[in-house]
Amino acid sequence: EELHDFGRRICGVSQPAQVIDTIAQAMQ
């Protein structure tokens, strides 16, 4: 939840969950 909040409120990222998903897939 803090990752999502940081993305939206601090960095203006509309879909932070999508960024996280992309990174997780790349890590795997």
mmCIF file of all heavy atoms, coordinates in Angstrom:
data_MODEL
# 
_entry.id   MODEL 
# 
loop_
_atom_site.group_PDB 
_atom_site.id 
_atom_site.type_symbol 
_atom_site.label_atom_id 
_atom_site.label_alt_id 
_atom_site.label_comp_id 
_atom_site.label_asym_id 
_atom_site.label_entity_id 
_atom_site.label_seq_id 
_atom_site.pdbx_PDB_ins_code 
_atom_site.Cartn_x 
_atom_site.Cartn_y 
_atom_site.Cartn_z 
_atom_site.occupancy 
_atom_site.B_iso_or_equiv 
_atom_site.pdbx_formal_charge 
_atom_site.auth_seq_id 
_atom_site.auth_comp_id 
_atom_site.auth_asym_id 
_atom_site.auth_atom_id 
_atom_site.pdbx_PDB_model_num 
ATOM 1   N N   . GLU A 1 1  ? 0.828  -1.206  0.000   1.00 0.00 ? 1  GLU A N   1 
ATOM 2   C CA  . GLU A 1 1  ? 0.000  0.000   0.000   1.00 0.00 ? 1  GLU A CA  1 
ATOM 3   C C   . GLU A 1 1  ? 0.861  1.254   0.000   1.00 0.00 ? 1  GLU A C   1 
ATOM 4   O O   . GLU A 1 1  ? 0.524  2.251   -0.669  1.00 0.00 ? 1  GLU A O   1 
ATOM 5   C CB  . GLU A 1 1  ? -0.924 -0.001  1.224   1.00 0.00 ? 1  GLU A CB  1 
ATOM 6   C CG  . GLU A 1 1  ? -2.014 -1.065  1.203   1.00 0.00 ? 1  GLU A CG  1 
ATOM 7   C CD  . GLU A 1 1  ? -1.488 -2.483  1.424   1.00 0.00 ? 1  GLU A CD  1 
ATOM 8   O OE1 . GLU A 1 1  ? -0.370 -2.625  2.019   1.00 0.00 ? 1  GLU A OE1 1 
ATOM 9   O OE2 . GLU A 1 1  ? -2.155 -3.441  0.992   1.00 0.00 ? 1  GLU A OE2 1 
ATOM 10  N N   . GLU A 1 2  ? 1.970  1.240   0.719   1.00 0.00 ? 2  GLU A N   1 
ATOM 11  C CA  . GLU A 1 2  ? 2.862  2.409   0.738   1.00 0.00 ? 2  GLU A CA  1 
ATOM 12  C C   . GLU A 1 2  ? 3.560  2.589   -0.611  1.00 0.00 ? 2  GLU A C   1 
ATOM 13  O O   . GLU A 1 2  ? 3.816  3.726   -1.031  1.00 0.00 ? 2  GLU A O   1 
ATOM 14  C CB  . GLU A 1 2  ? 3.881  2.258   1.865   1.00 0.00 ? 2  GLU A CB  1 
ATOM 15  C CG  . GLU A 1 2  ? 3.268  2.455   3.247   1.00 0.00 ? 2  GLU A CG  1 
ATOM 16  C CD  . GLU A 1 2  ? 4.216  2.096   4.367   1.00 0.00 ? 2  GLU A CD  1 
ATOM 17  O OE1 . GLU A 1 2  ? 5.102  1.231   4.176   1.00 0.00 ? 2  GLU A OE1 1 
ATOM 18  O OE2 . GLU A 1 2  ? 4.078  2.684   5.470   1.00 0.00 ? 2  GLU A OE2 1 
ATOM 19  N N   . LEU A 1 3  ? 3.864  1.496   -1.290  1.00 0.00 ? 3  LEU A N   1 
ATOM 20  C CA  . LEU A 1 3  ? 4.418  1.602   -2.642  1.00 0.00 ? 3  LEU A CA  1 
ATOM 21  C C   . LEU A 1 3  ? 3.425  2.289   -3.570  1.00 0.00 ? 3  LEU A C   1 
ATOM 22  O O   . LEU A 1 3  ? 3.778  3.196   -4.335  1.00 0.00 ? 3  LEU A O   1 
ATOM 23  C CB  . LEU A 1 3  ? 4.767  0.220   -3.191  1.00 0.00 ? 3  LEU A CB  1 
ATOM 24  C CG  . LEU A 1 3  ? 5.960  -0.523  -2.582  1.00 0.00 ? 3  LEU A CG  1 
ATOM 25  C CD1 . LEU A 1 3  ? 6.096  -1.903  -3.205  1.00 0.00 ? 3  LEU A CD1 1 
ATOM 26  C CD2 . LEU A 1 3  ? 7.245  0.263   -2.773  1.00 0.00 ? 3  LEU A CD2 1 
ATOM 27  N N   . HIS A 1 4  ? 2.171  1.849   -3.520  1.00 0.00 ? 4  HIS A N   1 
ATOM 28  C CA  . HIS A 1 4  ? 1.134  2.444   -4.369  1.00 0.00 ? 4  HIS A CA  1 
ATOM 29  C C   . HIS A 1 4  ? 0.944  3.918   -4.034  1.00 0.00 ? 4  HIS A C   1 
ATOM 30  O O   . HIS A 1 4  ? 0.828  4.762   -4.941  1.00 0.00 ? 4  HIS A O   1 
ATOM 31  C CB  . HIS A 1 4  ? -0.186 1.694   -4.176  1.00 0.00 ? 4  HIS A CB  1 
ATOM 32  C CG  . HIS A 1 4  ? -0.161 0.302   -4.723  1.00 0.00 ? 4  HIS A CG  1 
ATOM 33  N ND1 . HIS A 1 4  ? -1.235 -0.559  -4.629  1.00 0.00 ? 4  HIS A ND1 1 
ATOM 34  C CD2 . HIS A 1 4  ? 0.803  -0.401  -5.371  1.00 0.00 ? 4  HIS A CD2 1 
ATOM 35  C CE1 . HIS A 1 4  ? -0.940 -1.717  -5.188  1.00 0.00 ? 4  HIS A CE1 1 
ATOM 36  N NE2 . HIS A 1 4  ? 0.296  -1.643  -5.637  1.00 0.00 ? 4  HIS A NE2 1 
ATOM 37  N N   . ASP A 1 5  ? 0.913  4.245   -2.756  1.00 0.00 ? 5  ASP A N   1 
ATOM 38  C CA  . ASP A 1 5  ? 0.714  5.631   -2.330  1.00 0.00 ? 5  ASP A CA  1 
ATOM 39  C C   . ASP A 1 5  ? 1.863  6.512   -2.806  1.00 0.00 ? 5  ASP A C   1 
ATOM 40  O O   . ASP A 1 5  ? 1.651  7.635   -3.294  1.00 0.00 ? 5  ASP A O   1 
ATOM 41  C CB  . ASP A 1 5  ? 0.594  5.677   -0.806  1.00 0.00 ? 5  ASP A CB  1 
ATOM 42  C CG  . ASP A 1 5  ? 0.387  7.092   -0.278  1.00 0.00 ? 5  ASP A CG  1 
ATOM 43  O OD1 . ASP A 1 5  ? -0.392 7.842   -0.904  1.00 0.00 ? 5  ASP A OD1 1 
ATOM 44  O OD2 . ASP A 1 5  ? 1.002  7.450   0.737   1.00 0.00 ? 5  ASP A OD2 1 
ATOM 45  N N   . PHE A 1 6  ? 3.087  6.018   -2.689  1.00 0.00 ? 6  PHE A N   1 
ATOM 46  C CA  . PHE A 1 6  ? 4.259  6.766   -3.134  1.00 0.00 ? 6  PHE A CA  1 
ATOM 47  C C   . PHE A 1 6  ? 4.171  7.025   -4.634  1.00 0.00 ? 6  PHE A C   1 
ATOM 48  O O   . PHE A 1 6  ? 4.457  8.131   -5.101  1.00 0.00 ? 6  PHE A O   1 
ATOM 49  C CB  . PHE A 1 6  ? 5.526  5.974   -2.804  1.00 0.00 ? 6  PHE A CB  1 
ATOM 50  C CG  . PHE A 1 6  ? 6.807  6.741   -3.014  1.00 0.00 ? 6  PHE A CG  1 
ATOM 51  C CD1 . PHE A 1 6  ? 7.391  7.436   -1.969  1.00 0.00 ? 6  PHE A CD1 1 
ATOM 52  C CD2 . PHE A 1 6  ? 7.436  6.754   -4.256  1.00 0.00 ? 6  PHE A CD2 1 
ATOM 53  C CE1 . PHE A 1 6  ? 8.570  8.137   -2.156  1.00 0.00 ? 6  PHE A CE1 1 
ATOM 54  C CE2 . PHE A 1 6  ? 8.615  7.453   -4.448  1.00 0.00 ? 6  PHE A CE2 1 
ATOM 55  C CZ  . PHE A 1 6  ? 9.192  8.145   -3.403  1.00 0.00 ? 6  PHE A CZ  1 
ATOM 56  N N   . GLY A 1 7  ? 3.787  5.997   -5.388  1.00 0.00 ? 7  GLY A N   1 
ATOM 57  C CA  . GLY A 1 7  ? 3.690  6.158   -6.829  1.00 0.00 ? 7  GLY A CA  1 
ATOM 58  C C   . GLY A 1 7  ? 2.665  7.198   -7.224  1.00 0.00 ? 7  GLY A C   1 
ATOM 59  O O   . GLY A 1 7  ? 2.944  8.098   -8.025  1.00 0.00 ? 7  GLY A O   1 
ATOM 60  N N   . ARG A 1 8  ? 1.476  7.099   -6.658  1.00 0.00 ? 8  ARG A N   1 
ATOM 61  C CA  . ARG A 1 8  ? 0.389  8.016   -7.047  1.00 0.00 ? 8  ARG A CA  1 
ATOM 62  C C   . ARG A 1 8  ? 0.619  9.429   -6.509  1.00 0.00 ? 8  ARG A C   1 
ATOM 63  O O   . ARG A 1 8  ? 0.557  10.408  -7.255  1.00 0.00 ? 8  ARG A O   1 
ATOM 64  C CB  . ARG A 1 8  ? -0.949 7.480   -6.529  1.00 0.00 ? 8  ARG A CB  1 
ATOM 65  C CG  . ARG A 1 8  ? -1.433 6.206   -7.199  1.00 0.00 ? 8  ARG A CG  1 
ATOM 66  C CD  . ARG A 1 8  ? -2.909 5.961   -6.875  1.00 0.00 ? 8  ARG A CD  1 
ATOM 67  N NE  . ARG A 1 8  ? -3.354 4.674   -7.390  1.00 0.00 ? 8  ARG A NE  1 
ATOM 68  C CZ  . ARG A 1 8  ? -3.382 3.548   -6.694  1.00 0.00 ? 8  ARG A CZ  1 
ATOM 69  N NH1 . ARG A 1 8  ? -2.993 3.546   -5.426  1.00 0.00 ? 8  ARG A NH1 1 
ATOM 70  N NH2 . ARG A 1 8  ? -3.800 2.421   -7.242  1.00 0.00 ? 8  ARG A NH2 1 
ATOM 71  N N   . ARG A 1 9  ? 0.868  9.525   -5.204  1.00 0.00 ? 9  ARG A N   1 
ATOM 72  C CA  . ARG A 1 9  ? 0.880  10.839  -4.548  1.00 0.00 ? 9  ARG A CA  1 
ATOM 73  C C   . ARG A 1 9  ? 2.201  11.580  -4.729  1.00 0.00 ? 9  ARG A C   1 
ATOM 74  O O   . ARG A 1 9  ? 2.213  12.799  -4.913  1.00 0.00 ? 9  ARG A O   1 
ATOM 75  C CB  . ARG A 1 9  ? 0.575  10.651  -3.062  1.00 0.00 ? 9  ARG A CB  1 
ATOM 76  C CG  . ARG A 1 9  ? 0.457  11.946  -2.274  1.00 0.00 ? 9  ARG A CG  1 
ATOM 77  C CD  . ARG A 1 9  ? -0.153 11.684  -0.905  1.00 0.00 ? 9  ARG A CD  1 
ATOM 78  N NE  . ARG A 1 9  ? 0.608  10.710  -0.139  1.00 0.00 ? 9  ARG A NE  1 
ATOM 79  C CZ  . ARG A 1 9  ? 1.654  11.016  0.639   1.00 0.00 ? 9  ARG A CZ  1 
ATOM 80  N NH1 . ARG A 1 9  ? 2.060  12.274  0.749   1.00 0.00 ? 9  ARG A NH1 1 
ATOM 81  N NH2 . ARG A 1 9  ? 2.289  10.068  1.330   1.00 0.00 ? 9  ARG A NH2 1 
ATOM 82  N N   . ILE A 1 10 ? 3.312  10.868  -4.695  1.00 0.00 ? 10 ILE A N   1 
ATOM 83  C CA  . ILE A 1 10 ? 4.622  11.519  -4.739  1.00 0.00 ? 10 ILE A CA  1 
ATOM 84  C C   . ILE A 1 10 ? 5.157  11.633  -6.170  1.00 0.00 ? 10 ILE A C   1 
ATOM 85  O O   . ILE A 1 10 ? 5.727  12.656  -6.545  1.00 0.00 ? 10 ILE A O   1 
ATOM 86  C CB  . ILE A 1 10 ? 5.649  10.767  -3.866  1.00 0.00 ? 10 ILE A CB  1 
ATOM 87  C CG1 . ILE A 1 10 ? 5.113  10.577  -2.427  1.00 0.00 ? 10 ILE A CG1 1 
ATOM 88  C CG2 . ILE A 1 10 ? 6.987  11.496  -3.853  1.00 0.00 ? 10 ILE A CG2 1 
ATOM 89  C CD1 . ILE A 1 10 ? 4.795  11.872  -1.719  1.00 0.00 ? 10 ILE A CD1 1 
ATOM 90  N N   . CYS A 1 11 ? 4.925  10.596  -6.971  1.00 0.00 ? 11 CYS A N   1 
ATOM 91  C CA  . CYS A 1 11 ? 5.514  10.575  -8.314  1.00 0.00 ? 11 CYS A CA  1 
ATOM 92  C C   . CYS A 1 11 ? 4.500  10.760  -9.438  1.00 0.00 ? 11 CYS A C   1 
ATOM 93  O O   . CYS A 1 11 ? 4.886  10.828  -10.609 1.00 0.00 ? 11 CYS A O   1 
ATOM 94  C CB  . CYS A 1 11 ? 6.271  9.260   -8.531  1.00 0.00 ? 11 CYS A CB  1 
ATOM 95  S SG  . CYS A 1 11 ? 7.687  9.044   -7.420  1.00 0.00 ? 11 CYS A SG  1 
ATOM 96  N N   . GLY A 1 12 ? 3.211  10.820  -9.098  1.00 0.00 ? 12 GLY A N   1 
ATOM 97  C CA  . GLY A 1 12 ? 2.204  11.040  -10.127 1.00 0.00 ? 12 GLY A CA  1 
ATOM 98  C C   . GLY A 1 12 ? 2.024  9.883   -11.080 1.00 0.00 ? 12 GLY A C   1 
ATOM 99  O O   . GLY A 1 12 ? 1.638  10.070  -12.243 1.00 0.00 ? 12 GLY A O   1 
ATOM 100 N N   . VAL A 1 13 ? 2.270  8.661   -10.613 1.00 0.00 ? 13 VAL A N   1 
ATOM 101 C CA  . VAL A 1 13 ? 2.111  7.458   -11.445 1.00 0.00 ? 13 VAL A CA  1 
ATOM 102 C C   . VAL A 1 13 ? 0.677  6.964   -11.303 1.00 0.00 ? 13 VAL A C   1 
ATOM 103 O O   . VAL A 1 13 ? 0.230  6.648   -10.194 1.00 0.00 ? 13 VAL A O   1 
ATOM 104 C CB  . VAL A 1 13 ? 3.116  6.367   -11.020 1.00 0.00 ? 13 VAL A CB  1 
ATOM 105 C CG1 . VAL A 1 13 ? 2.904  5.086   -11.833 1.00 0.00 ? 13 VAL A CG1 1 
ATOM 106 C CG2 . VAL A 1 13 ? 4.547  6.874   -11.173 1.00 0.00 ? 13 VAL A CG2 1 
ATOM 107 N N   . SER A 1 14 ? -0.038 6.878   -12.400 1.00 0.00 ? 14 SER A N   1 
ATOM 108 C CA  . SER A 1 14 ? -1.464 6.539   -12.332 1.00 0.00 ? 14 SER A CA  1 
ATOM 109 C C   . SER A 1 14 ? -1.705 5.065   -12.025 1.00 0.00 ? 14 SER A C   1 
ATOM 110 O O   . SER A 1 14 ? -2.703 4.718   -11.388 1.00 0.00 ? 14 SER A O   1 
ATOM 111 C CB  . SER A 1 14 ? -2.160 6.910   -13.645 1.00 0.00 ? 14 SER A CB  1 
ATOM 112 O OG  . SER A 1 14 ? -1.573 6.218   -14.739 1.00 0.00 ? 14 SER A OG  1 
ATOM 113 N N   . GLN A 1 15 ? -0.796 4.184   -12.462 1.00 0.00 ? 15 GLN A N   1 
ATOM 114 C CA  . GLN A 1 15 ? -0.982 2.746   -12.257 1.00 0.00 ? 15 GLN A CA  1 
ATOM 115 C C   . GLN A 1 15 ? 0.273  2.122   -11.645 1.00 0.00 ? 15 GLN A C   1 
ATOM 116 O O   . GLN A 1 15 ? 0.996  1.367   -12.302 1.00 0.00 ? 15 GLN A O   1 
ATOM 117 C CB  . GLN A 1 15 ? -1.327 2.063   -13.579 1.00 0.00 ? 15 GLN A CB  1 
ATOM 118 C CG  . GLN A 1 15 ? -2.669 2.503   -14.149 1.00 0.00 ? 15 GLN A CG  1 
ATOM 119 C CD  . GLN A 1 15 ? -3.001 1.773   -15.439 1.00 0.00 ? 15 GLN A CD  1 
ATOM 120 O OE1 . GLN A 1 15 ? -2.224 1.761   -16.397 1.00 0.00 ? 15 GLN A OE1 1 
ATOM 121 N NE2 . GLN A 1 15 ? -4.157 1.133   -15.468 1.00 0.00 ? 15 GLN A NE2 1 
ATOM 122 N N   . PRO A 1 16 ? 0.553  2.422   -10.397 1.00 0.00 ? 16 PRO A N   1 
ATOM 123 C CA  . PRO A 1 16 ? 1.769  1.876   -9.769  1.00 0.00 ? 16 PRO A CA  1 
ATOM 124 C C   . PRO A 1 16 ? 1.767  0.351   -9.696  1.00 0.00 ? 16 PRO A C   1 
ATOM 125 O O   . PRO A 1 16 ? 2.831  -0.260  -9.768  1.00 0.00 ? 16 PRO A O   1 
ATOM 126 C CB  . PRO A 1 16 ? 1.759  2.510   -8.372  1.00 0.00 ? 16 PRO A CB  1 
ATOM 127 C CG  . PRO A 1 16 ? 0.344  2.932   -8.137  1.00 0.00 ? 16 PRO A CG  1 
ATOM 128 C CD  . PRO A 1 16 ? -0.197 3.296   -9.466  1.00 0.00 ? 16 PRO A CD  1 
ATOM 129 N N   . ALA A 1 17 ? 0.591  -0.255  -9.561  1.00 0.00 ? 17 ALA A N   1 
ATOM 130 C CA  . ALA A 1 17 ? 0.531  -1.723  -9.484  1.00 0.00 ? 17 ALA A CA  1 
ATOM 131 C C   . ALA A 1 17 ? 1.055  -2.365  -10.758 1.00 0.00 ? 17 ALA A C   1 
ATOM 132 O O   . ALA A 1 17 ? 1.686  -3.436  -10.718 1.00 0.00 ? 17 ALA A O   1 
ATOM 133 C CB  . ALA A 1 17 ? -0.900 -2.176  -9.211  1.00 0.00 ? 17 ALA A CB  1 
ATOM 134 N N   . GLN A 1 18 ? 0.807  -1.723  -11.879 1.00 0.00 ? 18 GLN A N   1 
ATOM 135 C CA  . GLN A 1 18 ? 1.288  -2.259  -13.149 1.00 0.00 ? 18 GLN A CA  1 
ATOM 136 C C   . GLN A 1 18 ? 2.811  -2.218  -13.218 1.00 0.00 ? 18 GLN A C   1 
ATOM 137 O O   . GLN A 1 18 ? 3.444  -3.157  -13.729 1.00 0.00 ? 18 GLN A O   1 
ATOM 138 C CB  . GLN A 1 18 ? 0.689  -1.456  -14.309 1.00 0.00 ? 18 GLN A CB  1 
ATOM 139 C CG  . GLN A 1 18 ? 1.048  -1.993  -15.684 1.00 0.00 ? 18 GLN A CG  1 
ATOM 140 C CD  . GLN A 1 18 ? 0.316  -1.255  -16.788 1.00 0.00 ? 18 GLN A CD  1 
ATOM 141 O OE1 . GLN A 1 18 ? -0.792 -0.763  -16.609 1.00 0.00 ? 18 GLN A OE1 1 
ATOM 142 N NE2 . GLN A 1 18 ? 0.952  -1.175  -17.948 1.00 0.00 ? 18 GLN A NE2 1 
ATOM 143 N N   . VAL A 1 19 ? 3.415  -1.152  -12.693 1.00 0.00 ? 19 VAL A N   1 
ATOM 144 C CA  . VAL A 1 19 ? 4.874  -1.057  -12.637 1.00 0.00 ? 19 VAL A CA  1 
ATOM 145 C C   . VAL A 1 19 ? 5.432  -2.188  -11.785 1.00 0.00 ? 19 VAL A C   1 
ATOM 146 O O   . VAL A 1 19 ? 6.403  -2.859  -12.167 1.00 0.00 ? 19 VAL A O   1 
ATOM 147 C CB  . VAL A 1 19 ? 5.303  0.310   -12.063 1.00 0.00 ? 19 VAL A CB  1 
ATOM 148 C CG1 . VAL A 1 19 ? 6.818  0.360   -11.837 1.00 0.00 ? 19 VAL A CG1 1 
ATOM 149 C CG2 . VAL A 1 19 ? 4.862  1.440   -12.982 1.00 0.00 ? 19 VAL A CG2 1 
ATOM 150 N N   . ILE A 1 20 ? 4.813  -2.430  -10.649 1.00 0.00 ? 20 ILE A N   1 
ATOM 151 C CA  . ILE A 1 20 ? 5.270  -3.485  -9.744  1.00 0.00 ? 20 ILE A CA  1 
ATOM 152 C C   . ILE A 1 20 ? 5.149  -4.848  -10.400 1.00 0.00 ? 20 ILE A C   1 
ATOM 153 O O   . ILE A 1 20 ? 6.050  -5.693  -10.301 1.00 0.00 ? 20 ILE A O   1 
ATOM 154 C CB  . ILE A 1 20 ? 4.472  -3.417  -8.425  1.00 0.00 ? 20 ILE A CB  1 
ATOM 155 C CG1 . ILE A 1 20 ? 4.784  -2.110  -7.682  1.00 0.00 ? 20 ILE A CG1 1 
ATOM 156 C CG2 . ILE A 1 20 ? 4.771  -4.622  -7.543  1.00 0.00 ? 20 ILE A CG2 1 
ATOM 157 C CD1 . ILE A 1 20 ? 3.864  -1.824  -6.526  1.00 0.00 ? 20 ILE A CD1 1 
ATOM 158 N N   . ASP A 1 21 ? 4.046  -5.090  -11.093 1.00 0.00 ? 21 ASP A N   1 
ATOM 159 C CA  . ASP A 1 21 ? 3.844  -6.373  -11.775 1.00 0.00 ? 21 ASP A CA  1 
ATOM 160 C C   . ASP A 1 21 ? 4.916  -6.601  -12.835 1.00 0.00 ? 21 ASP A C   1 
ATOM 161 O O   . ASP A 1 21 ? 5.460  -7.711  -12.963 1.00 0.00 ? 21 ASP A O   1 
ATOM 162 C CB  . ASP A 1 21 ? 2.465  -6.417  -12.434 1.00 0.00 ? 21 ASP A CB  1 
ATOM 163 C CG  . ASP A 1 21 ? 1.336  -6.557  -11.424 1.00 0.00 ? 21 ASP A CG  1 
ATOM 164 O OD1 . ASP A 1 21 ? 1.639  -6.799  -10.238 1.00 0.00 ? 21 ASP A OD1 1 
ATOM 165 O OD2 . ASP A 1 21 ? 0.169  -6.412  -11.813 1.00 0.00 ? 21 ASP A OD2 1 
ATOM 166 N N   . THR A 1 22 ? 5.218  -5.574  -13.607 1.00 0.00 ? 22 THR A N   1 
ATOM 167 C CA  . THR A 1 22 ? 6.227  -5.697  -14.664 1.00 0.00 ? 22 THR A CA  1 
ATOM 168 C C   . THR A 1 22 ? 7.582  -6.040  -14.076 1.00 0.00 ? 22 THR A C   1 
ATOM 169 O O   . THR A 1 22 ? 8.311  -6.905  -14.597 1.00 0.00 ? 22 THR A O   1 
ATOM 170 C CB  . THR A 1 22 ? 6.312  -4.385  -15.465 1.00 0.00 ? 22 THR A CB  1 
ATOM 171 O OG1 . THR A 1 22 ? 5.051  -4.115  -16.075 1.00 0.00 ? 22 THR A OG1 1 
ATOM 172 C CG2 . THR A 1 22 ? 7.385  -4.467  -16.540 1.00 0.00 ? 22 THR A CG2 1 
ATOM 173 N N   . ILE A 1 23 ? 7.946  -5.387  -12.978 1.00 0.00 ? 23 ILE A N   1 
ATOM 174 C CA  . ILE A 1 23 ? 9.230  -5.665  -12.325 1.00 0.00 ? 23 ILE A CA  1 
ATOM 175 C C   . ILE A 1 23 ? 9.259  -7.081  -11.777 1.00 0.00 ? 23 ILE A C   1 
ATOM 176 O O   . ILE A 1 23 ? 10.255 -7.806  -11.934 1.00 0.00 ? 23 ILE A O   1 
ATOM 177 C CB  . ILE A 1 23 ? 9.496  -4.631  -11.215 1.00 0.00 ? 23 ILE A CB  1 
ATOM 178 C CG1 . ILE A 1 23 ? 9.722  -3.243  -11.825 1.00 0.00 ? 23 ILE A CG1 1 
ATOM 179 C CG2 . ILE A 1 23 ? 10.701 -5.045  -10.368 1.00 0.00 ? 23 ILE A CG2 1 
ATOM 180 C CD1 . ILE A 1 23 ? 9.830  -2.126  -10.803 1.00 0.00 ? 23 ILE A CD1 1 
ATOM 181 N N   . ALA A 1 24 ? 8.173  -7.522  -11.145 1.00 0.00 ? 24 ALA A N   1 
ATOM 182 C CA  . ALA A 1 24 ? 8.124  -8.874  -10.581 1.00 0.00 ? 24 ALA A CA  1 
ATOM 183 C C   . ALA A 1 24 ? 8.292  -9.931  -11.667 1.00 0.00 ? 24 ALA A C   1 
ATOM 184 O O   . ALA A 1 24 ? 9.010  -10.926 -11.479 1.00 0.00 ? 24 ALA A O   1 
ATOM 185 C CB  . ALA A 1 24 ? 6.810  -9.071  -9.830  1.00 0.00 ? 24 ALA A CB  1 
ATOM 186 N N   . GLN A 1 25 ? 7.628  -9.739  -12.793 1.00 0.00 ? 25 GLN A N   1 
ATOM 187 C CA  . GLN A 1 25 ? 7.762  -10.690 -13.903 1.00 0.00 ? 25 GLN A CA  1 
ATOM 188 C C   . GLN A 1 25 ? 9.198  -10.735 -14.412 1.00 0.00 ? 25 GLN A C   1 
ATOM 189 O O   . GLN A 1 25 ? 9.740  -11.812 -14.693 1.00 0.00 ? 25 GLN A O   1 
ATOM 190 C CB  . GLN A 1 25 ? 6.813  -10.301 -15.034 1.00 0.00 ? 25 GLN A CB  1 
ATOM 191 C CG  . GLN A 1 25 ? 5.342  -10.485 -14.707 1.00 0.00 ? 25 GLN A CG  1 
ATOM 192 C CD  . GLN A 1 25 ? 4.430  -9.894  -15.758 1.00 0.00 ? 25 GLN A CD  1 
ATOM 193 O OE1 . GLN A 1 25 ? 4.860  -9.579  -16.867 1.00 0.00 ? 25 GLN A OE1 1 
ATOM 194 N NE2 . GLN A 1 25 ? 3.162  -9.712  -15.414 1.00 0.00 ? 25 GLN A NE2 1 
ATOM 195 N N   . ALA A 1 26 ? 9.830  -9.565  -14.520 1.00 0.00 ? 26 ALA A N   1 
ATOM 196 C CA  . ALA A 1 26 ? 11.215 -9.509  -14.986 1.00 0.00 ? 26 ALA A CA  1 
ATOM 197 C C   . ALA A 1 26 ? 12.152 -10.199 -13.992 1.00 0.00 ? 26 ALA A C   1 
ATOM 198 O O   . ALA A 1 26 ? 13.107 -10.888 -14.399 1.00 0.00 ? 26 ALA A O   1 
ATOM 199 C CB  . ALA A 1 26 ? 11.633 -8.059  -15.188 1.00 0.00 ? 26 ALA A CB  1 
ATOM 200 N N   . MET A 1 27 ? 11.913 -10.019 -12.704 1.00 0.00 ? 27 MET A N   1 
ATOM 201 C CA  . MET A 1 27 ? 12.736 -10.679 -11.685 1.00 0.00 ? 27 MET A CA  1 
ATOM 202 C C   . MET A 1 27 ? 12.609 -12.190 -11.791 1.00 0.00 ? 27 MET A C   1 
ATOM 203 O O   . MET A 1 27 ? 13.605 -12.923 -11.746 1.00 0.00 ? 27 MET A O   1 
ATOM 204 C CB  . MET A 1 27 ? 12.321 -10.193 -10.291 1.00 0.00 ? 27 MET A CB  1 
ATOM 205 C CG  . MET A 1 27 ? 12.668 -8.736  -10.010 1.00 0.00 ? 27 MET A CG  1 
ATOM 206 S SD  . MET A 1 27 ? 11.840 -8.072  -8.526  1.00 0.00 ? 27 MET A SD  1 
ATOM 207 C CE  . MET A 1 27 ? 12.581 -9.087  -7.235  1.00 0.00 ? 27 MET A CE  1 
ATOM 208 N N   . GLN A 1 28 ? 11.379 -12.684 -11.932 1.00 0.00 ? 28 GLN A N   1 
ATOM 209 C CA  . GLN A 1 28 ? 11.153 -14.128 -12.033 1.00 0.00 ? 28 GLN A CA  1 
ATOM 210 C C   . GLN A 1 28 ? 11.834 -14.705 -13.273 1.00 0.00 ? 28 GLN A C   1 
ATOM 211 O O   . GLN A 1 28 ? 12.505 -15.742 -13.209 1.00 0.00 ? 28 GLN A O   1 
ATOM 212 C CB  . GLN A 1 28 ? 9.651  -14.418 -12.080 1.00 0.00 ? 28 GLN A CB  1 
ATOM 213 C CG  . GLN A 1 28 ? 9.298  -15.903 -12.075 1.00 0.00 ? 28 GLN A CG  1 
ATOM 214 C CD  . GLN A 1 28 ? 9.779  -16.601 -10.812 1.00 0.00 ? 28 GLN A CD  1 
ATOM 215 O OE1 . GLN A 1 28 ? 9.522  -16.146 -9.699  1.00 0.00 ? 28 GLN A OE1 1 
ATOM 216 N NE2 . GLN A 1 28 ? 10.497 -17.711 -10.977 1.00 0.00 ? 28 GLN A NE2 1 
# 
